Amino acid sequence: MGKREDIAVDKRRKRKYRRLARYEKKARKAAAKETAKQEKVRRKAEKREKRKSAQEQKSISGKRIVKRQDKARPDHTVRQKAVSGTISRSQKKMDKKAEEKRLSAQRSIPYREMARDGICRVQDKYYSKTIRFYDINYQLAQNEDKNAIFENWCDFLNYFDSSIHFQLSFINHHSNMKEFESVIQIKPRHDAFDDVRMEYAQMLKNQLAKGNNGLARTKYITFGVEAENIREAKPKLERIETDILNNFKVLGVSAYPLDGRERLQIMYETFNPEEKVPFQFSFDQVLRSGMGTKDFIAPTSFLFKNGKDFMMGNTIGAVSYLQILAPELTDRMLAEFLDMDRNLIVNLHIQSLDQMKAIKLVKSKVTDINRMKIEEQARPAGRE
């Protein structure tokens, strides 16, 4: 019995020792992991300290170099150069803003692209086209004909809905007299009527010099629509163009659409009224030279000193905005403006409104007018 008891006690002791050995192994593993973590943390801290010390040494050396180079300069410039990294970034931003503010003459012209067919991309999602139209004998017509012309003109204006922006432009500009002389010049045919031809040609030249003082009077209508791209805008503009031409036929007015070169020529003559060199441009030159269309039409400079006066090259001009609030307007008002023998441009910007918006606008105007009348009537009573 005694031996058996001793054997049982030995087995228990062995099991106890084995369990302790397992616990020790687990504890050793945990201690090893903990020491590895602490070692990693210590290494990271050492790296950070090394980086900080290296940056401090660089900044100190940079300050020393700046102080050596700029001994004669004031202290504030040295301090600025000591933090040259931050100042250079801010300076770049300031330079970019300054470059944006410094607009060139080409960038001052408000359109993006001009196509060969006359479609102009004015803005990112706005495209326009221009039609030239001519005069009709309105003043010399009888009253019945005038009424008919006026009604047709009202129908023409009512064609444009709120989605179409259009502008009427009336331009008087001094043209090259050589072009007119070449048109009215009559070539001799070496027969008995050459003297008559020369006399008639001289009479036309005299009338040309006396009649319009070398002014060419042209009239245009420019219309535009909003679209995502040129493919979407082109069919809309072509449809509007055909409708406008048909309406001009009803009025008895001859008209034709302008291509890209003709529109650029109008802008060239507008921006360079005193230039004697004729407009020379072709879209093939744009492809060969790499220049833009604005480079061929822009003046030497633009100068806008205030809200009214401006300069285009050596030409001085002025802009006036007229708000006409009158109960009646005669049909001679526009003609009297255009009868002036000066370089003149009259633009009528017309935007149609929806019926509900128009009614609200009229009601608001009526209430404002009534309120002003009531205030005017109440002023003298309050003073008494």
Protein backbone atom coordinates (compact mmCIF):
# COMPACT_ATOMS: atom_id res chain seq x y z
CA MET A 1 0.00 0.00 0.00
CA GLY A 2 2.82 2.33 0.78
CA LYS A 3 4.44 1.89 -2.62
CA ARG A 4 1.22 2.52 -4.46
CA GLU A 5 0.68 5.76 -2.54
CA ASP A 6 4.25 6.92 -3.36
CA ILE A 7 3.71 6.23 -7.08
CA ALA A 8 0.44 8.27 -7.09
CA VAL A 9 2.17 11.18 -5.37
CA ASP A 10 5.01 11.14 -7.94
CA LYS A 11 2.52 11.20 -10.85
CA ARG A 12 0.70 14.19 -9.33
CA ARG A 13 3.98 16.04 -8.90
CA LYS A 14 4.97 15.40 -12.53
CA ARG A 15 1.58 16.65 -13.80
CA LYS A 16 1.96 19.73 -11.61
CA TYR A 17 5.43 20.46 -12.98
CA ARG A 18 4.20 19.96 -16.59
CA ARG A 19 1.39 22.48 -16.04
CA LEU A 20 3.81 25.00 -14.68
CA ALA A 21 6.07 24.56 -17.71
CA ARG A 22 3.14 25.37 -20.04
CA TYR A 23 2.30 28.52 -18.11
CA GLU A 24 5.89 29.57 -18.28
CA LYS A 25 5.97 29.15 -22.04
CA LYS A 26 2.86 31.33 -22.45
CA ALA A 27 4.30 33.95 -20.14
CA ARG A 28 7.58 33.99 -22.04
CA LYS A 29 5.74 34.44 -25.37
CA ALA A 30 3.71 37.33 -23.97
CA ALA A 31 6.83 38.95 -22.58
CA ALA A 32 8.62 38.60 -25.93
CA LYS A 33 5.70 40.24 -27.76
CA GLU A 34 5.62 43.09 -25.27
CA THR A 35 9.34 43.72 -25.62
CA ALA A 36 9.02 43.69 -29.45
CA LYS A 37 6.26 46.30 -29.27
CA GLN A 38 8.30 48.47 -26.97
CA GLU A 39 11.26 48.17 -29.32
CA LYS A 40 9.17 49.31 -32.29
CA VAL A 41 7.84 52.28 -30.35
CA ARG A 42 11.36 53.22 -29.30
CA ARG A 43 12.65 53.03 -32.89
CA LYS A 44 9.80 55.23 -34.19
CA ALA A 45 10.49 57.81 -31.50
CA GLU A 46 14.18 57.84 -32.45
CA LYS A 47 13.32 58.38 -36.13
CA ARG A 48 11.03 61.27 -35.27
CA GLU A 49 13.69 62.91 -33.18
CA LYS A 50 16.23 62.53 -35.97
CA ARG A 51 13.82 64.13 -38.50
CA LYS A 52 13.10 67.04 -36.18
CA SER A 53 16.76 67.66 -35.58
CA ALA A 54 17.52 67.50 -39.32
CA GLN A 55 14.73 70.01 -40.10
CA GLU A 56 15.94 72.35 -37.37
CA GLN A 57 19.47 72.20 -38.75
CA LYS A 58 18.21 72.98 -42.26
CA SER A 59 16.14 75.93 -41.08
CA ILE A 60 19.07 77.27 -39.06
CA SER A 61 21.45 76.92 -42.01
CA GLY A 62 18.90 78.60 -44.29
CA LYS A 63 18.58 81.51 -41.89
CA ARG A 64 22.35 81.87 -41.74
CA ILE A 65 22.61 81.92 -45.54
CA VAL A 66 19.85 84.51 -45.80
CA LYS A 67 21.48 86.68 -43.15
CA ARG A 68 24.81 86.53 -44.94
CA GLN A 69 23.25 87.44 -48.31
CA ASP A 70 20.91 90.13 -47.00
CA LYS A 71 22.90 92.01 -44.40
CA ALA A 72 21.98 95.38 -45.94
CA ARG A 73 18.28 94.52 -46.23
CA PRO A 74 15.73 95.19 -43.47
CA ASP A 75 14.79 92.53 -40.94
CA HIS A 76 11.30 91.87 -42.30
CA THR A 77 12.69 90.68 -45.66
CA VAL A 78 15.03 88.26 -43.85
CA ARG A 79 12.14 86.85 -41.86
CA GLN A 80 10.12 86.40 -45.01
CA LYS A 81 12.92 84.49 -46.69
CA ALA A 82 13.42 82.32 -43.64
CA VAL A 83 9.96 80.90 -44.27
CA SER A 84 10.41 80.95 -48.01
CA GLY A 85 8.43 77.75 -48.53
CA THR A 86 5.12 79.20 -47.34
CA ILE A 87 5.73 82.59 -48.96
CA SER A 88 6.55 81.08 -52.34
CA ARG A 89 3.23 79.22 -52.39
CA SER A 90 1.25 82.28 -51.43
CA GLN A 91 3.22 84.34 -53.93
CA LYS A 92 2.36 81.86 -56.68
CA LYS A 93 -1.32 82.18 -55.82
CA MET A 94 -1.07 85.97 -55.93
CA ASP A 95 0.72 85.81 -59.27
CA LYS A 96 -2.00 83.58 -60.71
CA LYS A 97 -4.69 85.99 -59.55
CA ALA A 98 -2.76 88.91 -61.04
CA GLU A 99 -2.42 87.08 -64.36
CA GLU A 100 -6.15 86.42 -64.39
CA LYS A 101 -6.83 90.11 -63.79
CA ARG A 102 -4.44 91.15 -66.56
CA LEU A 103 -6.72 90.55 -69.51
CA SER A 104 -5.32 90.84 -72.99
CA ALA A 105 -7.19 92.51 -75.83
CA GLN A 106 -8.04 89.08 -77.23
CA ARG A 107 -9.43 87.81 -73.92
CA SER A 108 -11.56 90.95 -73.58
CA ILE A 109 -13.59 89.97 -76.67
CA PRO A 110 -16.51 87.98 -75.25
CA TYR A 111 -16.74 84.83 -77.33
CA ARG A 112 -15.02 81.46 -77.33
CA GLU A 113 -14.99 80.07 -80.88
CA MET A 114 -16.13 81.07 -84.38
CA ALA A 115 -16.96 78.36 -86.92
CA ARG A 116 -16.84 78.57 -90.72
CA ASP A 117 -20.63 78.34 -91.07
CA GLY A 118 -21.15 81.36 -88.82
CA ILE A 119 -22.08 79.58 -85.60
CA CYS A 120 -20.33 81.24 -82.69
CA ARG A 121 -19.85 79.66 -79.27
CA VAL A 122 -20.29 82.70 -77.09
CA GLN A 123 -20.19 80.83 -73.78
CA ASP A 124 -19.86 77.21 -72.74
CA LYS A 125 -23.52 76.42 -73.43
CA TYR A 126 -24.65 79.39 -75.56
CA TYR A 127 -24.41 79.52 -79.38
CA SER A 128 -25.43 82.30 -81.77
CA LYS A 129 -25.83 83.16 -85.44
CA THR A 130 -26.30 86.42 -87.38
CA ILE A 131 -28.47 87.50 -90.34
CA ARG A 132 -28.05 90.71 -92.28
CA PHE A 133 -31.18 92.47 -93.52
CA TYR A 134 -31.83 95.59 -95.60
CA ASP A 135 -34.19 98.56 -95.53
CA ILE A 136 -37.66 98.89 -96.96
CA ASN A 137 -39.48 102.07 -98.00
CA TYR A 138 -41.46 102.55 -94.82
CA GLN A 139 -41.44 106.34 -94.57
CA LEU A 140 -42.53 106.77 -98.18
CA ALA A 141 -45.32 104.20 -97.92
CA GLN A 142 -48.96 105.11 -97.45
CA ASN A 143 -50.70 104.80 -94.10
CA GLU A 144 -52.38 101.51 -94.98
CA ASP A 145 -49.08 100.02 -96.05
CA LYS A 146 -47.44 101.35 -92.90
CA ASN A 147 -50.07 99.67 -90.74
CA ALA A 148 -49.58 96.40 -92.59
CA ILE A 149 -45.81 96.61 -92.21
CA PHE A 150 -46.15 97.41 -88.51
CA GLU A 151 -48.50 94.46 -87.93
CA ASN A 152 -46.13 92.11 -89.74
CA TRP A 153 -43.25 93.47 -87.67
CA CYS A 154 -45.19 92.76 -84.47
CA ASP A 155 -45.84 89.20 -85.68
CA PHE A 156 -42.14 88.90 -86.43
CA LEU A 157 -41.21 89.92 -82.87
CA ASN A 158 -43.84 87.63 -81.36
CA TYR A 159 -42.19 84.67 -83.10
CA PHE A 160 -39.36 84.70 -80.57
CA ASP A 161 -40.23 82.86 -77.36
CA SER A 162 -38.43 82.99 -74.03
CA SER A 163 -35.90 80.32 -75.09
CA ILE A 164 -34.48 82.49 -77.90
CA HIS A 165 -32.27 85.48 -77.12
CA PHE A 166 -31.95 87.96 -79.99
CA GLN A 167 -30.42 91.35 -80.63
CA LEU A 168 -30.95 93.98 -83.32
CA SER A 169 -27.75 95.81 -84.32
CA PHE A 170 -27.63 98.98 -86.41
CA ILE A 171 -24.06 99.93 -87.34
CA ASN A 172 -22.86 103.14 -88.99
CA HIS A 173 -19.16 103.01 -89.79
CA HIS A 174 -16.83 104.86 -92.13
CA SER A 175 -16.08 102.55 -94.99
CA ASN A 176 -13.29 102.54 -97.50
CA MET A 177 -14.20 104.95 -100.29
CA LYS A 178 -12.14 102.96 -102.76
CA GLU A 179 -14.58 100.07 -102.46
CA PHE A 180 -17.53 102.30 -103.35
CA GLU A 181 -15.59 103.93 -106.17
CA SER A 182 -14.76 100.54 -107.60
CA VAL A 183 -18.47 99.65 -107.54
CA ILE A 184 -19.69 102.80 -109.29
CA GLN A 185 -16.76 103.03 -111.67
CA ILE A 186 -17.75 102.67 -115.31
CA LYS A 187 -15.08 101.38 -117.63
CA PRO A 188 -14.70 103.04 -121.04
CA ARG A 189 -15.64 100.99 -124.08
CA HIS A 190 -13.87 103.16 -126.64
CA ASP A 191 -16.98 104.25 -128.50
CA ALA A 192 -18.93 107.50 -128.93
CA PHE A 193 -20.55 107.23 -125.45
CA ASP A 194 -17.37 107.27 -123.36
CA ASP A 195 -17.84 110.97 -122.54
CA VAL A 196 -21.34 110.28 -121.23
CA ARG A 197 -20.06 107.37 -119.13
CA MET A 198 -17.30 109.52 -117.61
CA GLU A 199 -19.73 112.31 -116.79
CA TYR A 200 -22.20 109.89 -115.20
CA ALA A 201 -19.43 108.24 -113.16
CA GLN A 202 -18.24 111.63 -111.92
CA MET A 203 -21.78 112.54 -110.91
CA LEU A 204 -22.05 109.31 -108.91
CA LYS A 205 -18.77 110.07 -107.15
CA ASN A 206 -19.99 113.54 -106.21
CA GLN A 207 -23.25 112.15 -104.88
CA LEU A 208 -21.35 109.53 -102.92
CA ALA A 209 -19.16 112.18 -101.30
CA LYS A 210 -22.11 114.42 -100.43
CA GLY A 211 -24.75 111.86 -99.59
CA ASN A 212 -23.59 109.69 -96.72
CA ASN A 213 -20.21 111.20 -95.88
CA GLY A 214 -18.55 107.85 -96.53
CA LEU A 215 -20.75 106.04 -93.99
CA ALA A 216 -21.98 102.51 -94.53
CA ARG A 217 -25.22 101.71 -92.71
CA THR A 218 -25.80 98.03 -92.02
CA LYS A 219 -28.41 96.15 -90.01
CA TYR A 220 -28.18 92.74 -88.37
CA ILE A 221 -30.16 90.42 -86.18
CA THR A 222 -28.24 88.04 -83.92
CA PHE A 223 -30.05 85.18 -82.22
CA GLY A 224 -28.83 82.50 -79.88
CA VAL A 225 -29.92 79.41 -77.99
CA GLU A 226 -28.60 77.41 -75.09
CA ALA A 227 -27.38 73.89 -75.83
CA GLU A 228 -25.01 71.30 -74.41
CA ASN A 229 -22.81 71.15 -77.54
CA ILE A 230 -22.56 72.26 -81.17
CA ARG A 231 -24.39 69.17 -82.44
CA GLU A 232 -27.42 70.05 -80.37
CA ALA A 233 -27.26 73.77 -81.16
CA LYS A 234 -26.83 73.54 -84.95
CA PRO A 235 -30.30 72.13 -85.87
CA LYS A 236 -31.99 74.61 -83.51
CA LEU A 237 -30.18 77.58 -85.05
CA GLU A 238 -30.88 76.40 -88.60
CA ARG A 239 -34.60 76.06 -87.85
CA ILE A 240 -34.73 79.55 -86.34
CA GLU A 241 -32.74 80.90 -89.29
CA THR A 242 -35.21 79.57 -91.86
CA ASP A 243 -38.16 80.95 -89.88
CA ILE A 244 -36.55 84.40 -89.64
CA LEU A 245 -35.79 84.48 -93.37
CA ASN A 246 -39.39 83.52 -94.14
CA ASN A 247 -40.67 86.28 -91.86
CA PHE A 248 -38.42 88.78 -93.63
CA LYS A 249 -39.89 87.65 -96.96
CA VAL A 250 -43.35 88.39 -95.62
CA LEU A 251 -42.15 91.89 -94.71
CA GLY A 252 -40.63 92.32 -98.17
CA VAL A 253 -37.10 92.61 -96.74
CA SER A 254 -34.12 90.96 -98.37
CA ALA A 255 -31.85 89.14 -95.93
CA TYR A 256 -29.14 86.49 -95.88
CA PRO A 257 -27.19 84.65 -93.14
CA LEU A 258 -23.56 85.48 -92.46
CA ASP A 259 -20.74 82.96 -92.39
CA GLY A 260 -17.85 83.00 -89.95
CA ARG A 261 -15.59 85.25 -92.00
CA GLU A 262 -18.30 87.89 -92.48
CA ARG A 263 -19.05 87.97 -88.76
CA LEU A 264 -15.35 88.37 -87.99
CA GLN A 265 -15.13 91.20 -90.53
CA ILE A 266 -17.92 93.06 -88.74
CA MET A 267 -16.05 92.77 -85.44
CA TYR A 268 -12.79 93.82 -87.10
CA GLU A 269 -14.40 96.97 -88.51
CA THR A 270 -16.02 97.66 -85.12
CA PHE A 271 -12.82 97.26 -83.09
CA ASN A 272 -10.60 99.02 -85.66
CA PRO A 273 -12.71 101.89 -87.07
CA GLU A 274 -9.70 104.03 -88.02
CA GLU A 275 -7.68 101.19 -89.52
CA LYS A 276 -6.99 101.66 -93.22
CA VAL A 277 -5.76 98.11 -93.79
CA PRO A 278 -8.63 95.94 -95.09
CA PHE A 279 -9.63 92.78 -93.28
CA GLN A 280 -7.53 89.85 -94.45
CA PHE A 281 -8.50 86.52 -92.99
CA SER A 282 -9.19 82.91 -93.90
CA PHE A 283 -9.72 79.87 -91.71
CA ASP A 284 -6.80 78.17 -93.45
CA GLN A 285 -4.53 80.83 -91.90
CA VAL A 286 -5.75 79.79 -88.46
CA LEU A 287 -4.72 76.20 -89.13
CA ARG A 288 -1.34 77.14 -90.60
CA SER A 289 -0.34 79.81 -88.08
CA GLY A 290 -1.82 78.30 -84.92
CA MET A 291 -3.37 81.65 -84.01
CA GLY A 292 -6.94 82.18 -82.91
CA THR A 293 -9.67 84.11 -84.68
CA LYS A 294 -9.45 86.85 -82.06
CA ASP A 295 -5.85 87.58 -83.08
CA PHE A 296 -7.07 88.77 -86.49
CA ILE A 297 -9.78 91.13 -85.22
CA ALA A 298 -8.47 92.47 -81.89
CA PRO A 299 -7.22 96.07 -81.66
CA THR A 300 -3.83 96.97 -80.25
CA SER A 301 -5.32 97.61 -76.80
CA PHE A 302 -8.46 98.20 -74.75
CA LEU A 303 -8.62 100.84 -72.04
CA PHE A 304 -11.64 101.16 -69.74
CA LYS A 305 -11.09 104.06 -67.36
CA ASN A 306 -14.63 104.43 -66.11
CA GLY A 307 -18.07 103.09 -66.84
CA LYS A 308 -18.71 105.23 -69.93
CA ASP A 309 -15.54 106.20 -71.81
CA PHE A 310 -13.16 103.70 -73.35
CA MET A 311 -10.34 103.45 -75.88
CA MET A 312 -9.75 100.91 -78.64
CA GLY A 313 -6.25 101.47 -79.92
CA ASN A 314 -6.21 105.16 -80.84
CA THR A 315 -10.01 105.45 -81.05
CA ILE A 316 -11.91 107.05 -78.17
CA GLY A 317 -15.53 106.07 -77.67
CA ALA A 318 -18.39 106.21 -75.19
CA VAL A 319 -21.28 103.94 -74.26
CA SER A 320 -24.73 105.18 -73.25
CA TYR A 321 -27.58 103.16 -71.83
CA LEU A 322 -31.02 104.61 -72.53
CA GLN A 323 -34.06 103.66 -70.51
CA ILE A 324 -36.99 105.23 -72.31
CA LEU A 325 -40.09 105.61 -70.13
CA ALA A 326 -42.57 107.42 -72.35
CA PRO A 327 -46.28 106.95 -72.99
CA GLU A 328 -45.75 107.33 -76.75
CA LEU A 329 -42.89 106.70 -79.15
CA THR A 330 -42.73 107.80 -82.77
CA ASP A 331 -41.54 105.51 -85.53
CA ARG A 332 -38.81 108.06 -86.33
CA MET A 333 -36.91 107.66 -83.06
CA LEU A 334 -34.48 104.99 -84.27
CA ALA A 335 -34.12 106.64 -87.68
CA GLU A 336 -33.12 109.92 -86.04
CA PHE A 337 -30.40 108.16 -84.07
CA LEU A 338 -29.05 106.52 -87.19
CA ASP A 339 -29.12 109.74 -89.25
CA MET A 340 -26.08 111.05 -87.37
CA ASP A 341 -22.97 111.11 -89.57
CA ARG A 342 -20.74 109.42 -87.02
CA ASN A 343 -19.41 105.99 -86.22
CA LEU A 344 -22.36 104.69 -84.28
CA ILE A 345 -23.67 101.33 -83.06
CA VAL A 346 -27.21 100.94 -81.71
CA ASN A 347 -28.01 97.59 -80.10
CA LEU A 348 -31.50 96.56 -79.05
CA HIS A 349 -31.40 93.55 -76.73
CA ILE A 350 -34.81 91.88 -76.67
CA GLN A 351 -35.84 89.03 -74.38
CA SER A 352 -39.33 87.57 -74.45
CA LEU A 353 -41.00 86.65 -71.19
CA ASP A 354 -43.50 83.96 -70.31
CA GLN A 355 -47.06 85.17 -70.04
CA MET A 356 -47.31 84.60 -66.28
CA LYS A 357 -43.98 86.33 -65.63
CA ALA A 358 -44.99 89.25 -67.85
CA ILE A 359 -48.29 89.68 -65.99
CA LYS A 360 -46.50 89.64 -62.63
CA LEU A 361 -43.95 92.16 -63.91
CA VAL A 362 -46.66 94.51 -65.18
CA LYS A 363 -48.59 94.26 -61.92
CA SER A 364 -45.48 95.03 -59.89
CA LYS A 365 -44.74 98.05 -62.10
CA VAL A 366 -48.32 99.31 -61.74
CA THR A 367 -48.21 98.98 -57.95
CA ASP A 368 -44.88 100.82 -57.84
CA ILE A 369 -46.27 103.65 -59.96
CA ASN A 370 -49.40 103.93 -57.80
CA ARG A 371 -47.31 103.93 -54.64
CA MET A 372 -45.10 106.71 -56.02
CA LYS A 373 -48.19 108.77 -56.94
CA ILE A 374 -49.62 108.36 -53.45
CA GLU A 375 -46.30 109.41 -51.88
CA GLU A 376 -46.13 112.48 -54.13
CA GLN A 377 -49.66 113.48 -53.19
CA ALA A 378 -48.97 112.97 -49.48
CA ARG A 379 -45.77 115.04 -49.40
CA PRO A 380 -47.26 118.57 -49.65
CA ALA A 381 -49.99 117.71 -47.10
CA GLY A 382 -47.39 116.56 -44.59
CA ARG A 383 -45.35 119.71 -45.07
CA GLU A 384 -48.37 121.96 -44.42
